[in-house]
Each structure stands twice: as structure tokens, then as C-alpha cells.
């Protein structure tokens, strides 16, 4: 996977709203109704670093870490302790990223 493919997946497959989050593209659920409040963020793209940060909880994070320790790691912050997870795009195929992104998307919708 690469940065552009990850971006396209977020926009097309998950119909996410893209916005600027501290200088990085981030993706959130669309408003539930036209003109409504935007949904929660489920992913931030770090183009220069070649990874995404998925907003998960600790249980979902643990699940991904068990599946692939080379591709996933906790974000090195307090957010990471709460479930924010780095997914290395160069170490993931499209199906694996789509599955991980779906976890974050569904978690944001709860």
C-alpha cells in the first residue's frame, strides 16, 4: 500500500470526510444528516512517514498487534496508550489495511 491508495480507500470505500488535522490529512465519518455535525475521526494520514494512525480502543489495538507486529504498533503517546495505532503502509496489503481501517471506522461510529 502507498499513501495515495490509503487516501483513496478512506474517501471511496468509507466515504469519509477529509480535513486538515494539525497539517496532516485526517478522515472522519460524514455527518448523519446534511449540514449536521461531522462524525468522529477514525484515521490520520502521515504522508511523509508512510503510515496512518488508526483511532482504536485498547482491545482493538491488541487484536491488530497480535495479527501483525511488523505492520502495527501503538502510537508513542498517551493516545497510543488509549488505542491509537500506527499502521505501516509499506508492510500492508490492501485487504489488511481495509480490514484495519474498517475496525477504526466502526469504532468511530459507536
Protein backbone atom coordinates (compact mmCIF):
# COMPACT_ATOMS: atom_id res chain seq x y z
CA UNK A 1 0.00 0.00 0.00
CA UNK A 2 1.04 3.57 -0.51
CA UNK A 3 -0.18 6.94 0.73
CA UNK A 4 -2.41 7.70 -2.26
CA UNK A 5 -4.04 4.27 -2.16
CA UNK A 6 -4.77 4.68 1.56
CA UNK A 7 -6.28 8.11 0.92
CA UNK A 8 -8.41 6.81 -1.93
CA UNK A 9 -9.62 3.91 0.20
CA UNK A 10 -10.70 6.22 3.02
CA UNK A 11 -12.56 8.52 0.64
CA UNK A 12 -14.16 5.93 -1.64
CA UNK A 13 -14.67 2.79 0.43
CA UNK A 14 -15.56 4.55 3.67
CA UNK A 15 -16.98 7.77 2.16
CA UNK A 16 -15.01 9.75 4.73
CA UNK A 17 -14.77 13.50 5.03
CA UNK A 18 -11.16 14.64 4.62
CA UNK A 19 -9.95 17.60 6.68
CA UNK A 20 -6.72 19.15 7.93
CA UNK A 21 -5.65 17.93 11.36
CA UNK A 22 -2.55 19.81 12.52
CA UNK A 23 -1.11 19.85 9.00
CA UNK A 24 -2.00 16.25 8.14
CA UNK A 25 -4.99 14.88 6.27
CA UNK A 26 -7.48 13.20 8.59
CA UNK A 27 -10.64 11.26 7.89
CA UNK A 28 -13.89 11.27 9.80
CA UNK A 29 -17.37 9.91 9.44
CA UNK A 30 -19.70 12.04 7.39
CA UNK A 31 -22.45 13.96 9.21
CA UNK A 32 -25.54 11.86 9.90
CA UNK A 33 -27.71 14.44 8.16
CA UNK A 34 -26.91 17.20 5.64
CA UNK A 35 -25.48 20.23 7.39
CA UNK A 36 -25.07 18.27 10.61
CA UNK A 37 -22.08 17.97 12.90
CA UNK A 38 -19.17 15.95 11.41
CA UNK A 39 -18.63 12.46 12.74
CA UNK A 40 -15.65 11.25 14.74
CA UNK A 41 -12.18 10.91 13.24
CA UNK A 42 -11.12 7.35 12.51
CA UNK A 43 -7.75 7.86 10.78
CA UNK A 44 -4.96 10.37 10.21
CA UNK A 45 -2.58 10.03 7.25
CA UNK A 46 1.12 10.78 7.74
CA UNK A 47 2.31 11.09 4.11
CA UNK A 48 6.00 11.80 4.78
CA UNK A 49 6.28 8.94 7.26
CA UNK A 50 4.35 6.47 5.09
CA UNK A 51 1.86 5.41 7.73
CA UNK A 52 -1.61 6.04 9.06
CA UNK A 53 -2.77 6.37 12.65
CA UNK A 54 -5.97 4.47 13.33
CA UNK A 55 -8.16 5.58 16.21
CA UNK A 56 -8.99 2.37 18.07
CA UNK A 57 -9.54 1.31 21.65
CA UNK A 58 -7.09 -0.85 23.61
CA UNK A 59 -8.85 -4.12 22.77
CA UNK A 60 -8.89 -3.45 19.03
CA UNK A 61 -5.29 -2.30 19.17
CA UNK A 62 -4.26 -5.52 20.93
CA UNK A 63 -6.04 -7.53 18.24
CA UNK A 64 -4.07 -5.83 15.44
CA UNK A 65 -0.79 -6.14 17.33
CA UNK A 66 -1.37 -9.88 17.71
CA UNK A 67 -2.10 -10.23 13.99
CA UNK A 68 0.97 -8.41 12.67
CA UNK A 69 3.66 -6.91 14.90
CA UNK A 70 5.68 -5.71 11.90
CA UNK A 71 2.85 -3.62 10.42
CA UNK A 72 1.16 -2.30 13.57
CA UNK A 73 2.42 -0.58 16.70
CA UNK A 74 0.95 1.71 19.34
CA UNK A 75 1.40 5.41 18.73
CA UNK A 76 4.21 6.59 21.07
CA UNK A 77 2.00 8.93 23.09
CA UNK A 78 -0.81 8.95 25.61
CA UNK A 79 -3.11 8.48 22.62
CA UNK A 80 -1.27 5.24 21.89
CA UNK A 81 -1.92 4.06 25.43
CA UNK A 82 -5.62 4.60 24.75
CA UNK A 83 -5.58 2.68 21.45
CA UNK A 84 -4.21 4.96 18.70
CA UNK A 85 -2.34 2.57 16.42
CA UNK A 86 0.25 3.19 13.70
CA UNK A 87 -0.18 1.09 10.56
CA UNK A 88 2.89 0.99 8.29
CA UNK A 89 1.57 1.24 4.74
CA UNK A 90 4.62 -0.40 3.16
CA UNK A 91 4.06 -3.52 5.24
CA UNK A 92 0.35 -3.94 4.49
CA UNK A 93 -1.59 -5.20 1.52
CA UNK A 94 -4.85 -3.56 0.52
CA UNK A 95 -7.04 -6.20 2.19
CA UNK A 96 -5.17 -5.95 5.51
CA UNK A 97 -5.35 -2.14 5.50
CA UNK A 98 -9.02 -2.19 4.54
CA UNK A 99 -9.78 -4.56 7.44
CA UNK A 100 -7.84 -2.39 9.92
CA UNK A 101 -9.45 0.78 8.58
CA UNK A 102 -12.87 -0.86 8.91
CA UNK A 103 -12.17 -1.53 12.60
CA UNK A 104 -11.33 2.15 13.13
CA UNK A 105 -14.35 3.28 11.09
CA UNK A 106 -16.74 1.07 13.03
CA UNK A 107 -15.19 2.13 16.34
CA UNK A 108 -15.67 5.81 15.42
CA UNK A 109 -19.34 5.13 14.72
CA UNK A 110 -20.07 3.74 18.18
